[in-house]
Amino acid sequence: MNNSKNNLNEKKPFSLREWLFGLSYDRKIFVLGILIAFGSFIFWLVFPLFKDLTGFDECVFKKATGFYCPGCGCTRSVNALLSGHILISFLYNPFIPYCVIMWVLYTGSHILEILKVPRIKGMKYRDIYVYIALILIFSNWIVKNILLFIINF
């Protein structure tokens, strides 16, 4: 009997797997967002070193089809956003500023909840956020291709 009490009082070692799978869905998205932001930052630091080796001169989709791809303008949008030009970033591709704004709101609210700021709850995931992103991507793609072929923009 004494042995079972000792086993209950012993603290289990930390397990990343148990911690991660024990989190709520929203907290998992928060952790994933932090990891993606960290990976994007590392990519942003390292990519210029290998830019000449990759051959990213022209979009493969545009080369093959003659149409702009749905992600067209993302690189210019990120560069404009990093330079502080939010409106220009939105004009290049509205998906990028939307993602950054949603990431800041989502991550910020969860950080404030973790810090136990009174009356602040972490943002909850809603499917509408993904639908808005898809609408932005495809409407931008359609408008750019209309301008390309009708107005020859």
Protein backbone atom coordinates (compact mmCIF):
# COMPACT_ATOMS: atom_id res chain seq x y z
CA MET A 1 0.00 0.00 0.00
CA ASN A 2 2.84 2.33 0.84
CA ASN A 3 4.37 1.71 -2.59
CA SER A 4 1.26 2.88 -4.43
CA LYS A 5 1.26 6.16 -2.47
CA ASN A 6 4.88 6.78 -3.44
CA ASN A 7 4.06 6.13 -7.09
CA LEU A 8 1.23 8.66 -7.01
CA ASN A 9 3.42 11.30 -5.38
CA GLU A 10 6.26 10.88 -7.86
CA LYS A 11 6.29 13.50 -10.56
CA LYS A 12 6.31 12.16 -14.12
CA PRO A 13 9.08 13.45 -16.39
CA PHE A 14 8.08 16.06 -18.96
CA SER A 15 6.88 14.57 -22.21
CA LEU A 16 6.60 16.87 -25.22
CA ARG A 17 4.29 14.41 -26.92
CA GLU A 18 1.88 14.27 -23.95
CA TRP A 19 2.03 18.05 -23.57
CA LEU A 20 1.36 18.71 -27.26
CA PHE A 21 -1.44 16.17 -27.64
CA GLY A 22 -2.98 17.30 -24.35
CA LEU A 23 -3.43 20.84 -25.64
CA SER A 24 -6.71 22.22 -26.90
CA TYR A 25 -7.20 22.60 -30.65
CA ASP A 26 -6.72 26.38 -30.43
CA ARG A 27 -3.53 26.03 -28.41
CA LYS A 28 -2.16 23.55 -30.99
CA ILE A 29 -2.82 26.11 -33.73
CA PHE A 30 -1.04 28.71 -31.57
CA VAL A 31 2.04 26.46 -31.23
CA LEU A 32 1.96 25.67 -34.96
CA GLY A 33 1.77 29.40 -35.75
CA ILE A 34 4.82 30.10 -33.58
CA LEU A 35 6.75 27.29 -35.31
CA ILE A 36 5.76 28.51 -38.79
CA ALA A 37 6.76 32.08 -37.91
CA PHE A 38 10.13 30.85 -36.61
CA GLY A 39 10.67 28.72 -39.74
CA SER A 40 9.71 31.64 -42.00
CA PHE A 41 12.18 33.88 -40.21
CA ILE A 42 14.98 31.33 -40.67
CA PHE A 43 14.01 30.93 -44.35
CA TRP A 44 14.06 34.74 -44.76
CA LEU A 45 17.59 34.82 -43.32
CA VAL A 46 18.95 31.89 -45.33
CA PHE A 47 17.19 32.22 -48.72
CA PRO A 48 19.31 35.12 -50.05
CA LEU A 49 22.39 32.92 -49.70
CA PHE A 50 20.94 30.29 -52.06
CA LYS A 51 18.81 32.52 -54.30
CA ASP A 52 21.17 32.26 -57.28
CA LEU A 53 21.28 28.45 -57.03
CA THR A 54 17.50 27.94 -57.06
CA GLY A 55 16.70 29.61 -60.39
CA PHE A 56 13.60 31.41 -59.10
CA ASP A 57 13.69 33.97 -61.90
CA GLU A 58 10.20 33.46 -63.29
CA CYS A 59 7.09 31.72 -62.08
CA VAL A 60 6.85 28.18 -63.48
CA PHE A 61 3.03 28.37 -63.54
CA LYS A 62 3.09 31.57 -65.61
CA LYS A 63 5.74 30.15 -67.89
CA ALA A 64 3.63 27.04 -68.54
CA THR A 65 0.15 28.58 -68.78
CA GLY A 66 0.59 32.26 -69.53
CA PHE A 67 -1.60 33.07 -66.51
CA TYR A 68 -0.55 34.50 -63.18
CA CYS A 69 -0.56 31.89 -60.44
CA PRO A 70 -2.78 32.26 -57.34
CA GLY A 71 0.31 33.09 -55.26
CA CYS A 72 1.59 35.70 -57.68
CA GLY A 73 2.82 38.79 -55.87
CA CYS A 74 3.42 37.06 -52.53
CA THR A 75 7.16 37.73 -52.50
CA ARG A 76 6.68 41.39 -53.42
CA SER A 77 3.90 41.60 -50.83
CA VAL A 78 6.18 40.24 -48.09
CA ASN A 79 8.97 42.63 -49.11
CA ALA A 80 6.57 45.60 -49.06
CA LEU A 81 5.20 44.53 -45.67
CA LEU A 82 8.71 44.18 -44.23
CA SER A 83 9.43 47.69 -45.53
CA GLY A 84 6.35 49.02 -43.72
CA HIS A 85 4.21 49.58 -46.82
CA ILE A 86 1.00 47.84 -45.77
CA LEU A 87 -1.21 49.23 -48.56
CA ILE A 88 1.29 48.35 -51.29
CA SER A 89 1.62 44.89 -49.75
CA PHE A 90 -2.17 44.51 -49.92
CA LEU A 91 -2.18 45.54 -53.58
CA TYR A 92 0.52 43.01 -54.51
CA ASN A 93 -1.34 40.17 -52.80
CA PRO A 94 -3.96 40.72 -50.07
CA PHE A 95 -3.45 37.22 -48.67
CA ILE A 96 -0.10 38.11 -47.05
CA PRO A 97 -1.24 41.11 -44.96
CA TYR A 98 -4.40 39.18 -44.02
CA CYS A 99 -2.30 36.26 -42.75
CA VAL A 100 0.02 38.56 -40.81
CA ILE A 101 -2.88 40.44 -39.20
CA MET A 102 -4.65 37.20 -38.27
CA TRP A 103 -1.41 35.72 -36.92
CA VAL A 104 -0.75 38.80 -34.76
CA LEU A 105 -4.31 38.80 -33.40
CA TYR A 106 -4.43 35.05 -32.80
CA THR A 107 -0.96 34.70 -31.33
CA GLY A 108 -1.18 37.94 -29.37
CA SER A 109 -4.47 36.95 -27.75
CA HIS A 110 -3.08 33.55 -26.74
CA ILE A 111 0.10 35.10 -25.32
CA LEU A 112 -2.00 37.54 -23.29
CA GLU A 113 -4.13 34.63 -22.06
CA ILE A 114 -1.00 32.68 -21.09
CA LEU A 115 0.26 35.75 -19.20
CA LYS A 116 -3.11 35.76 -17.39
CA VAL A 117 -4.14 39.25 -18.44
CA PRO A 118 -7.62 39.78 -16.96
CA ARG A 119 -10.62 39.43 -19.29
CA ILE A 120 -8.47 38.32 -22.25
CA LYS A 121 -9.22 34.96 -23.84
CA GLY A 122 -7.30 33.46 -26.74
CA MET A 123 -8.96 33.79 -30.12
CA LYS A 124 -10.86 30.70 -31.20
CA TYR A 125 -10.37 29.04 -34.56
CA ARG A 126 -13.24 29.55 -36.97
CA ASP A 127 -13.60 28.08 -40.47
CA ILE A 128 -14.56 31.54 -41.74
CA TYR A 129 -10.92 32.66 -41.36
CA VAL A 130 -9.86 30.03 -43.92
CA TYR A 131 -12.76 30.87 -46.24
CA ILE A 132 -11.80 34.57 -46.19
CA ALA A 133 -8.20 33.60 -47.05
CA LEU A 134 -9.36 31.45 -49.97
CA ILE A 135 -11.64 34.23 -51.24
CA LEU A 136 -8.71 36.67 -51.10
CA ILE A 137 -6.40 34.29 -52.97
CA PHE A 138 -8.82 33.44 -55.76
CA SER A 139 -10.31 36.91 -56.20
CA ASN A 140 -6.79 38.35 -56.44
CA TRP A 141 -5.89 35.66 -58.98
CA ILE A 142 -8.97 36.34 -61.11
CA VAL A 143 -8.55 40.13 -61.04
CA LYS A 144 -4.86 39.94 -61.98
CA ASN A 145 -5.56 37.60 -64.91
CA ILE A 146 -8.43 39.77 -66.14
CA LEU A 147 -6.15 42.79 -66.03
CA LEU A 148 -3.41 40.82 -67.77
CA PHE A 149 -5.45 39.67 -70.75
CA ILE A 150 -8.25 42.22 -71.15
CA ILE A 151 -6.52 45.47 -70.27
CA ASN A 152 -2.99 44.13 -70.90
CA PHE A 153 -1.86 45.42 -67.49
